[in-house]
PDB file of N, CA and C in Angstrom:
ATOM      1  N   MET A   1      -9.927 -20.270  -8.494  1.00  0.00           N
ATOM      2  CA  MET A   1      -9.919 -19.261  -9.525  1.00  0.00           C
ATOM      3  C   MET A   1      -9.205 -18.009  -8.994  1.00  0.00           C
ATOM      4  N   ALA A   2      -8.302 -17.477  -9.773  1.00  0.00           N
ATOM      5  CA  ALA A   2      -7.519 -16.302  -9.368  1.00  0.00           C
ATOM      6  C   ALA A   2      -8.378 -15.048  -9.376  1.00  0.00           C
ATOM      7  N   ASP A   3      -8.014 -14.117  -8.504  1.00  0.00           N
ATOM      8  CA  ASP A   3      -8.709 -12.828  -8.425  1.00  0.00           C
ATOM      9  C   ASP A   3      -8.338 -12.010  -9.665  1.00  0.00           C
ATOM     10  N   PRO A   4      -9.321 -11.627 -10.480  1.00  0.00           N
ATOM     11  CA  PRO A   4      -9.018 -10.918 -11.722  1.00  0.00           C
ATOM     12  C   PRO A   4      -8.690  -9.431 -11.538  1.00  0.00           C
ATOM     13  N   SER A   5      -8.921  -8.885 -10.354  1.00  0.00           N
ATOM     14  CA  SER A   5      -8.657  -7.463 -10.174  1.00  0.00           C
ATOM     15  C   SER A   5      -7.149  -7.230 -10.087  1.00  0.00           C
ATOM     16  N   PRO A   6      -6.663  -6.159 -10.682  1.00  0.00           N
ATOM     17  CA  PRO A   6      -5.213  -5.897 -10.685  1.00  0.00           C
ATOM     18  C   PRO A   6      -4.725  -5.421  -9.328  1.00  0.00           C
ATOM     19  N   THR A   7      -3.457  -5.647  -9.064  1.00  0.00           N
ATOM     20  CA  THR A   7      -2.835  -5.110  -7.853  1.00  0.00           C
ATOM     21  C   THR A   7      -2.458  -3.656  -8.124  1.00  0.00           C
ATOM     22  N   VAL A   8      -2.130  -2.933  -7.071  1.00  0.00           N
ATOM     23  CA  VAL A   8      -1.644  -1.566  -7.237  1.00  0.00           C
ATOM     24  C   VAL A   8      -0.369  -1.594  -8.086  1.00  0.00           C
ATOM     25  N   GLY A   9       0.473  -2.602  -7.870  1.00  0.00           N
ATOM     26  CA  GLY A   9       1.697  -2.732  -8.649  1.00  0.00           C
ATOM     27  C   GLY A   9       1.421  -2.917 -10.134  1.00  0.00           C
ATOM     28  N   GLU A  10       0.413  -3.701 -10.457  1.00  0.00           N
ATOM     29  CA  GLU A  10       0.042  -3.890 -11.869  1.00  0.00           C
ATOM     30  C   GLU A  10      -0.494  -2.596 -12.465  1.00  0.00           C
ATOM     31  N   LEU A  11      -1.269  -1.859 -11.673  1.00  0.00           N
ATOM     32  CA  LEU A  11      -1.758  -0.557 -12.138  1.00  0.00           C
ATOM     33  C   LEU A  11      -0.595   0.420 -12.306  1.00  0.00           C
ATOM     34  N   PHE A  12       0.406   0.311 -11.442  1.00  0.00           N
ATOM     35  CA  PHE A  12       1.602   1.140 -11.527  1.00  0.00           C
ATOM     36  C   PHE A  12       2.352   0.840 -12.835  1.00  0.00           C
ATOM     37  N   LYS A  13       2.522  -0.424 -13.141  1.00  0.00           N
ATOM     38  CA  LYS A  13       3.194  -0.818 -14.380  1.00  0.00           C
ATOM     39  C   LYS A  13       2.432  -0.334 -15.611  1.00  0.00           C
ATOM     40  N   ALA A  14       1.106  -0.307 -15.500  1.00  0.00           N
ATOM     41  CA  ALA A  14       0.257   0.144 -16.611  1.00  0.00           C
ATOM     42  C   ALA A  14       0.138   1.662 -16.655  1.00  0.00           C
ATOM     43  N   LYS A  15       0.814   2.338 -15.720  1.00  0.00           N
ATOM     44  CA  LYS A  15       0.825   3.795 -15.613  1.00  0.00           C
ATOM     45  C   LYS A  15      -0.542   4.385 -15.238  1.00  0.00           C
ATOM     46  N   ALA A  16      -1.371   3.563 -14.596  1.00  0.00           N
ATOM     47  CA  ALA A  16      -2.651   4.046 -14.081  1.00  0.00           C
ATOM     48  C   ALA A  16      -2.476   4.630 -12.685  1.00  0.00           C
ATOM     49  N   VAL A  17      -1.363   4.287 -12.027  1.00  0.00           N
ATOM     50  CA  VAL A  17      -1.001   4.807 -10.719  1.00  0.00           C
ATOM     51  C   VAL A  17       0.435   5.303 -10.839  1.00  0.00           C
ATOM     52  N   THR A  18       0.696   6.488 -10.301  1.00  0.00           N
ATOM     53  CA  THR A  18       2.038   7.062 -10.399  1.00  0.00           C
ATOM     54  C   THR A  18       2.865   6.759  -9.147  1.00  0.00           C
ATOM     55  N   ASP A  19       4.166   6.959  -9.284  1.00  0.00           N
ATOM     56  CA  ASP A  19       5.070   6.802  -8.156  1.00  0.00           C
ATOM     57  C   ASP A  19       4.688   7.766  -7.036  1.00  0.00           C
ATOM     58  N   GLU A  20       4.307   8.980  -7.402  1.00  0.00           N
ATOM     59  CA  GLU A  20       3.906   9.980  -6.418  1.00  0.00           C
ATOM     60  C   GLU A  20       2.664   9.536  -5.648  1.00  0.00           C
ATOM     61  N   GLN A  21       1.720   8.900  -6.336  1.00  0.00           N
ATOM     62  CA  GLN A  21       0.502   8.437  -5.673  1.00  0.00           C
ATOM     63  C   GLN A  21       0.806   7.301  -4.699  1.00  0.00           C
ATOM     64  N   VAL A  22       1.698   6.400  -5.092  1.00  0.00           N
ATOM     65  CA  VAL A  22       2.078   5.313  -4.192  1.00  0.00           C
ATOM     66  C   VAL A  22       2.804   5.880  -2.978  1.00  0.00           C
ATOM     67  N   ASN A  23       3.750   6.773  -3.207  1.00  0.00           N
ATOM     68  CA  ASN A  23       4.486   7.377  -2.088  1.00  0.00           C
ATOM     69  C   ASN A  23       3.568   8.165  -1.169  1.00  0.00           C
ATOM     70  N   ALA A  24       2.581   8.848  -1.728  1.00  0.00           N
ATOM     71  CA  ALA A  24       1.618   9.586  -0.906  1.00  0.00           C
ATOM     72  C   ALA A  24       0.831   8.615  -0.023  1.00  0.00           C
ATOM     73  N   ALA A  25       0.441   7.474  -0.573  1.00  0.00           N
ATOM     74  CA  ALA A  25      -0.285   6.468   0.211  1.00  0.00           C
ATOM     75  C   ALA A  25       0.596   5.934   1.338  1.00  0.00           C
ATOM     76  N   VAL A  26       1.873   5.723   1.049  1.00  0.00           N
ATOM     77  CA  VAL A  26       2.807   5.263   2.078  1.00  0.00           C
ATOM     78  C   VAL A  26       2.881   6.284   3.204  1.00  0.00           C
ATOM     79  N   GLU A  27       3.016   7.549   2.858  1.00  0.00           N
ATOM     80  CA  GLU A  27       3.119   8.610   3.868  1.00  0.00           C
ATOM     81  C   GLU A  27       1.844   8.721   4.689  1.00  0.00           C
ATOM     82  N   VAL A  28       0.689   8.568   4.038  1.00  0.00           N
ATOM     83  CA  VAL A  28      -0.584   8.597   4.768  1.00  0.00           C
ATOM     84  C   VAL A  28      -0.591   7.482   5.801  1.00  0.00           C
ATOM     85  N   TYR A  29      -0.183   6.292   5.394  1.00  0.00           N
ATOM     86  CA  TYR A  29      -0.199   5.170   6.334  1.00  0.00           C
ATOM     87  C   TYR A  29       0.809   5.370   7.460  1.00  0.00           C
ATOM     88  N   LEU A  30       2.009   5.794   7.130  1.00  0.00           N
ATOM     89  CA  LEU A  30       3.026   5.968   8.168  1.00  0.00           C
ATOM     90  C   LEU A  30       2.667   7.082   9.149  1.00  0.00           C
ATOM     91  N   THR A  31       1.840   8.016   8.713  1.00  0.00           N
ATOM     92  CA  THR A  31       1.360   9.083   9.589  1.00  0.00           C
ATOM     93  C   THR A  31       0.231   8.596  10.489  1.00  0.00           C
ATOM     94  N   ASP A  32      -0.596   7.689   9.959  1.00  0.00           N
ATOM     95  CA  ASP A  32      -1.731   7.149  10.699  1.00  0.00           C
ATOM     96  C   ASP A  32      -1.770   5.648  10.466  1.00  0.00           C
ATOM     97  N   LEU A  33      -1.215   4.873  11.399  1.00  0.00           N
ATOM     98  CA  LEU A  33      -1.111   3.424  11.231  1.00  0.00           C
ATOM     99  C   LEU A  33      -2.461   2.713  11.191  1.00  0.00           C
ATOM    100  N   GLU A  34      -3.523   3.438  11.384  1.00  0.00           N
ATOM    101  CA  GLU A  34      -4.857   2.855  11.274  1.00  0.00           C
ATOM    102  C   GLU A  34      -5.632   3.476  10.121  1.00  0.00           C
ATOM    103  N   ALA A  35      -4.903   4.049   9.163  1.00  0.00           N
ATOM    104  CA  ALA A  35      -5.560   4.660   8.003  1.00  0.00           C
ATOM    105  C   ALA A  35      -6.394   3.594   7.292  1.00  0.00           C
ATOM    106  N   GLY A  36      -7.528   3.996   6.826  1.00  0.00           N
ATOM    107  CA  GLY A  36      -8.409   3.059   6.130  1.00  0.00           C
ATOM    108  C   GLY A  36      -8.339   3.247   4.632  1.00  0.00           C
ATOM    109  N   MET A  37      -9.486   3.474   4.043  1.00  0.00           N
ATOM    110  CA  MET A  37      -9.573   3.609   2.593  1.00  0.00           C
ATOM    111  C   MET A  37      -8.873   4.881   2.139  1.00  0.00           C
ATOM    112  N   HIS A  38      -8.130   4.744   1.049  1.00  0.00           N
ATOM    113  CA  HIS A  38      -7.368   5.868   0.504  1.00  0.00           C
ATOM    114  C   HIS A  38      -7.509   5.841  -1.013  1.00  0.00           C
ATOM    115  N   ALA A  39      -7.832   6.988  -1.593  1.00  0.00           N
ATOM    116  CA  ALA A  39      -7.916   7.089  -3.054  1.00  0.00           C
ATOM    117  C   ALA A  39      -6.501   7.049  -3.616  1.00  0.00           C
ATOM    118  N   ILE A  40      -6.160   5.955  -4.270  1.00  0.00           N
ATOM    119  CA  ILE A  40      -4.803   5.773  -4.780  1.00  0.00           C
ATOM    120  C   ILE A  40      -4.659   6.381  -6.174  1.00  0.00           C
ATOM    121  N   ALA A  41      -5.751   6.403  -6.931  1.00  0.00           N
ATOM    122  CA  ALA A  41      -5.751   6.976  -8.281  1.00  0.00           C
ATOM    123  C   ALA A  41      -7.197   7.196  -8.687  1.00  0.00           C
ATOM    124  N   ASP A  42      -7.385   7.891  -9.784  1.00  0.00           N
ATOM    125  CA  ASP A  42      -8.745   8.117 -10.267  1.00  0.00           C
ATOM    126  C   ASP A  42      -9.451   6.776 -10.467  1.00  0.00           C
ATOM    127  N   GLY A  43     -10.525   6.602  -9.726  1.00  0.00           N
ATOM    128  CA  GLY A  43     -11.336   5.402  -9.867  1.00  0.00           C
ATOM    129  C   GLY A  43     -10.906   4.221  -9.017  1.00  0.00           C
ATOM    130  N   TYR A  44      -9.889   4.375  -8.173  1.00  0.00           N
ATOM    131  CA  TYR A  44      -9.407   3.277  -7.336  1.00  0.00           C
ATOM    132  C   TYR A  44      -9.172   3.734  -5.908  1.00  0.00           C
ATOM    133  N   VAL A  45      -9.585   2.905  -4.958  1.00  0.00           N
ATOM    134  CA  VAL A  45      -9.271   3.121  -3.545  1.00  0.00           C
ATOM    135  C   VAL A  45      -8.645   1.847  -3.003  1.00  0.00           C
ATOM    136  N   VAL A  46      -7.774   2.018  -2.027  1.00  0.00           N
ATOM    137  CA  VAL A  46      -7.128   0.869  -1.400  1.00  0.00           C
ATOM    138  C   VAL A  46      -7.236   1.025   0.108  1.00  0.00           C
ATOM    139  N   ASP A  47      -7.495  -0.075   0.783  1.00  0.00           N
ATOM    140  CA  ASP A  47      -7.555  -0.072   2.241  1.00  0.00           C
ATOM    141  C   ASP A  47      -6.125  -0.230   2.741  1.00  0.00           C
ATOM    142  N   LEU A  48      -5.508   0.876   3.143  1.00  0.00           N
ATOM    143  CA  LEU A  48      -4.110   0.871   3.537  1.00  0.00           C
ATOM    144  C   LEU A  48      -3.860  -0.025   4.740  1.00  0.00           C
ATOM    145  N   ASP A  49      -4.722   0.057   5.735  1.00  0.00           N
ATOM    146  CA  ASP A  49      -4.546  -0.749   6.939  1.00  0.00           C
ATOM    147  C   ASP A  49      -4.605  -2.233   6.597  1.00  0.00           C
ATOM    148  N   ALA A  50      -5.572  -2.644   5.818  1.00  0.00           N
ATOM    149  CA  ALA A  50      -5.699  -4.052   5.441  1.00  0.00           C
ATOM    150  C   ALA A  50      -4.493  -4.503   4.616  1.00  0.00           C
ATOM    151  N   ALA A  51      -4.014  -3.632   3.732  1.00  0.00           N
ATOM    152  CA  ALA A  51      -2.861  -3.983   2.906  1.00  0.00           C
ATOM    153  C   ALA A  51      -1.648  -4.304   3.763  1.00  0.00           C
ATOM    154  N   VAL A  52      -1.409  -3.487   4.779  1.00  0.00           N
ATOM    155  CA  VAL A  52      -0.227  -3.674   5.623  1.00  0.00           C
ATOM    156  C   VAL A  52      -0.433  -4.817   6.616  1.00  0.00           C
ATOM    157  N   VAL A  53      -1.589  -4.874   7.231  1.00  0.00           N
ATOM    158  CA  VAL A  53      -1.849  -5.902   8.239  1.00  0.00           C
ATOM    159  C   VAL A  53      -1.780  -7.308   7.627  1.00  0.00           C
ATOM    160  N   THR A  54      -2.225  -7.467   6.404  1.00  0.00           N
ATOM    161  CA  THR A  54      -2.219  -8.794   5.779  1.00  0.00           C
ATOM    162  C   THR A  54      -0.877  -9.143   5.143  1.00  0.00           C
ATOM    163  N   HIS A  55       0.051  -8.215   5.125  1.00  0.00           N
ATOM    164  CA  HIS A  55       1.389  -8.472   4.588  1.00  0.00           C
ATOM    165  C   HIS A  55       2.313  -8.735   5.774  1.00  0.00           C
ATOM    166  N   SER A  56       2.700  -9.994   5.961  1.00  0.00           N
ATOM    167  CA  SER A  56       3.422 -10.370   7.187  1.00  0.00           C
ATOM    168  C   SER A  56       4.759  -9.653   7.357  1.00  0.00           C
ATOM    169  N   TRP A  57       5.505  -9.438   6.282  1.00  0.00           N
ATOM    170  CA  TRP A  57       6.795  -8.750   6.412  1.00  0.00           C
ATOM    171  C   TRP A  57       6.586  -7.299   6.840  1.00  0.00           C
ATOM    172  N   ALA A  58       5.638  -6.616   6.223  1.00  0.00           N
ATOM    173  CA  ALA A  58       5.372  -5.221   6.593  1.00  0.00           C
ATOM    174  C   ALA A  58       4.933  -5.136   8.048  1.00  0.00           C
ATOM    175  N   SER A  59       4.082  -6.042   8.476  1.00  0.00           N
ATOM    176  CA  SER A  59       3.646  -6.051   9.875  1.00  0.00           C
ATOM    177  C   SER A  59       4.819  -6.274  10.814  1.00  0.00           C
ATOM    178  N   PHE A  60       5.704  -7.192  10.446  1.00  0.00           N
ATOM    179  CA  PHE A  60       6.889  -7.481  11.261  1.00  0.00           C
ATOM    180  C   PHE A  60       7.787  -6.247  11.359  1.00  0.00           C
ATOM    181  N   VAL A  61       8.041  -5.597  10.229  1.00  0.00           N
ATOM    182  CA  VAL A  61       8.913  -4.421  10.209  1.00  0.00           C
ATOM    183  C   VAL A  61       8.326  -3.304  11.064  1.00  0.00           C
ATOM    184  N   LEU A  62       7.042  -3.040  10.925  1.00  0.00           N
ATOM    185  CA  LEU A  62       6.427  -1.951  11.680  1.00  0.00           C
ATOM    186  C   LEU A  62       6.397  -2.231  13.180  1.00  0.00           C
ATOM    187  N   ALA A  63       6.378  -3.501  13.546  1.00  0.00           N
ATOM    188  CA  ALA A  63       6.388  -3.855  14.961  1.00  0.00           C
ATOM    189  C   ALA A  63       7.786  -3.744  15.562  1.00  0.00           C
ATOM    190  N   ASN A  64       8.795  -3.698  14.711  1.00  0.00           N
ATOM    191  CA  ASN A  64      10.176  -3.616  15.165  1.00  0.00           C
ATOM    192  C   ASN A  64      10.558  -2.151  15.386  1.00  0.00           C
ATOM    193  N   GLU A  65      10.701  -1.760  16.627  1.00  0.00           N
ATOM    194  CA  GLU A  65      11.018  -0.367  16.950  1.00  0.00           C
ATOM    195  C   GLU A  65      12.387   0.060  16.443  1.00  0.00           C
ATOM    196  N   GLU A  66      13.255  -0.892  16.154  1.00  0.00           N
ATOM    197  CA  GLU A  66      14.597  -0.573  15.678  1.00  0.00           C
ATOM    198  C   GLU A  66      14.678  -0.439  14.156  1.00  0.00           C
ATOM    199  N   ALA A  67      13.599  -0.709  13.459  1.00  0.00           N
ATOM    200  CA  ALA A  67      13.596  -0.602  11.997  1.00  0.00           C
ATOM    201  C   ALA A  67      13.750   0.863  11.590  1.00  0.00           C
ATOM    202  N   SER A  68      14.606   1.109  10.623  1.00  0.00           N
ATOM    203  CA  SER A  68      14.842   2.481  10.167  1.00  0.00           C
ATOM    204  C   SER A  68      13.626   3.007   9.396  1.00  0.00           C
ATOM    205  N   ALA A  69      13.586   4.302   9.240  1.00  0.00           N
ATOM    206  CA  ALA A  69      12.493   4.933   8.491  1.00  0.00           C
ATOM    207  C   ALA A  69      12.457   4.416   7.056  1.00  0.00           C
ATOM    208  N   ALA A  70      13.617   4.221   6.454  1.00  0.00           N
ATOM    209  CA  ALA A  70      13.672   3.739   5.072  1.00  0.00           C
ATOM    210  C   ALA A  70      13.125   2.318   4.957  1.00  0.00           C
ATOM    211  N   VAL A  71      13.464   1.468   5.905  1.00  0.00           N
ATOM    212  CA  VAL A  71      12.969   0.089   5.881  1.00  0.00           C
ATOM    213  C   VAL A  71      11.460   0.076   6.100  1.00  0.00           C
ATOM    214  N   ARG A  72      10.974   0.899   7.011  1.00  0.00           N
ATOM    215  CA  ARG A  72       9.534   0.991   7.261  1.00  0.00           C
ATOM    216  C   ARG A  72       8.809   1.466   6.000  1.00  0.00           C
ATOM    217  N   HIS A  73       9.364   2.492   5.356  1.00  0.00           N
ATOM    218  CA  HIS A  73       8.778   3.033   4.120  1.00  0.00           C
ATOM    219  C   HIS A  73       8.702   1.937   3.051  1.00  0.00           C
ATOM    220  N   ASN A  74       9.797   1.223   2.851  1.00  0.00           N
ATOM    221  CA  ASN A  74       9.835   0.190   1.815  1.00  0.00           C
ATOM    222  C   ASN A  74       8.890  -0.967   2.121  1.00  0.00           C
ATOM    223  N   ALA A  75       8.752  -1.327   3.380  1.00  0.00           N
ATOM    224  CA  ALA A  75       7.833  -2.402   3.753  1.00  0.00           C
ATOM    225  C   ALA A  75       6.384  -2.014   3.458  1.00  0.00           C
ATOM    226  N   VAL A  76       6.015  -0.799   3.837  1.00  0.00           N
ATOM    227  CA  VAL A  76       4.650  -0.328   3.578  1.00  0.00           C
ATOM    228  C   VAL A  76       4.419  -0.191   2.078  1.00  0.00           C
ATOM    229  N   ARG A  77       5.399   0.324   1.344  1.00  0.00           N
ATOM    230  CA  ARG A  77       5.282   0.466  -0.112  1.00  0.00           C
ATOM    231  C   ARG A  77       5.050  -0.899  -0.766  1.00  0.00           C
ATOM    232  N   THR A  78       5.805  -1.904  -0.328  1.00  0.00           N
ATOM    233  CA  THR A  78       5.638  -3.246  -0.883  1.00  0.00           C
ATOM    234  C   THR A  78       4.233  -3.769  -0.621  1.00  0.00           C
ATOM    235  N   ALA A  79       3.763  -3.593   0.607  1.00  0.00           N
ATOM    236  CA  ALA A  79       2.407  -4.068   0.953  1.00  0.00           C
ATOM    237  C   ALA A  79       1.347  -3.376   0.105  1.00  0.00           C
ATOM    238  N   ILE A  80       1.508  -2.089  -0.111  1.00  0.00           N
ATOM    239  CA  ILE A  80       0.535  -1.341  -0.925  1.00  0.00           C
ATOM    240  C   ILE A  80       0.597  -1.779  -2.380  1.00  0.00           C
ATOM    241  N   LEU A  81       1.790  -1.977  -2.912  1.00  0.00           N
ATOM    242  CA  LEU A  81       1.916  -2.411  -4.308  1.00  0.00           C
ATOM    243  C   LEU A  81       1.296  -3.785  -4.533  1.00  0.00           C
ATOM    244  N   LEU A  82       1.291  -4.629  -3.523  1.00  0.00           N
ATOM    245  CA  LEU A  82       0.704  -5.974  -3.647  1.00  0.00           C
ATOM    246  C   LEU A  82      -0.798  -6.005  -3.364  1.00  0.00           C
ATOM    247  N   ALA A  83      -1.327  -4.921  -2.846  1.00  0.00           N
ATOM    248  CA  ALA A  83      -2.753  -4.851  -2.509  1.00  0.00           C
ATOM    249  C   ALA A  83      -3.607  -4.765  -3.771  1.00  0.00           C
ATOM    250  N   ARG A  84      -4.830  -5.232  -3.655  1.00  0.00           N
ATOM    251  CA  ARG A  84      -5.794  -5.160  -4.753  1.00  0.00           C
ATOM    252  C   ARG A  84      -6.801  -4.054  -4.437  1.00  0.00           C
ATOM    253  N   PRO A  85      -6.699  -2.932  -5.139  1.00  0.00           N
ATOM    254  CA  PRO A  85      -7.618  -1.826  -4.853  1.00  0.00           C
ATOM    255  C   PRO A  85      -9.023  -2.112  -5.362  1.00  0.00           C
ATOM    256  N   GLN A  86      -9.952  -1.362  -4.853  1.00  0.00           N
ATOM    257  CA  GLN A  86     -11.346  -1.458  -5.309  1.00  0.00           C
ATOM    258  C   GLN A  86     -11.620  -0.341  -6.299  1.00  0.00           C
ATOM    259  N   LYS A  87     -12.394  -0.666  -7.333  1.00  0.00           N
ATOM    260  CA  LYS A  87     -12.827   0.371  -8.270  1.00  0.00           C
ATOM    261  C   LYS A  87     -13.950   1.157  -7.621  1.00  0.00           C
ATOM    262  N   THR A  88     -13.908   2.476  -7.857  1.00  0.00           N
ATOM    263  CA  THR A  88     -14.978   3.305  -7.296  1.00  0.00           C
ATOM    264  C   THR A  88     -15.881   3.792  -8.406  1.00  0.00           C
TER     265      THR A  88
END
């Protein structure tokens, strides 16, 4: 049975999460690679560390010291958009 909770990306498409909120979450994670729960929008929190660690491409990019800042940003953004936030 599929997980019925929406992803951050689905909430973004529904305009429940803004581009600014996603970018802020990316910056929080890139500032603290062990960041935990983060309020992504009213009523939703996402575990940033879990989102990135469980996304193999994002983990690979962050482990690559030669990856540019833009590539790192996009990898973390993708991982966050695919994450399933918790309702608070």
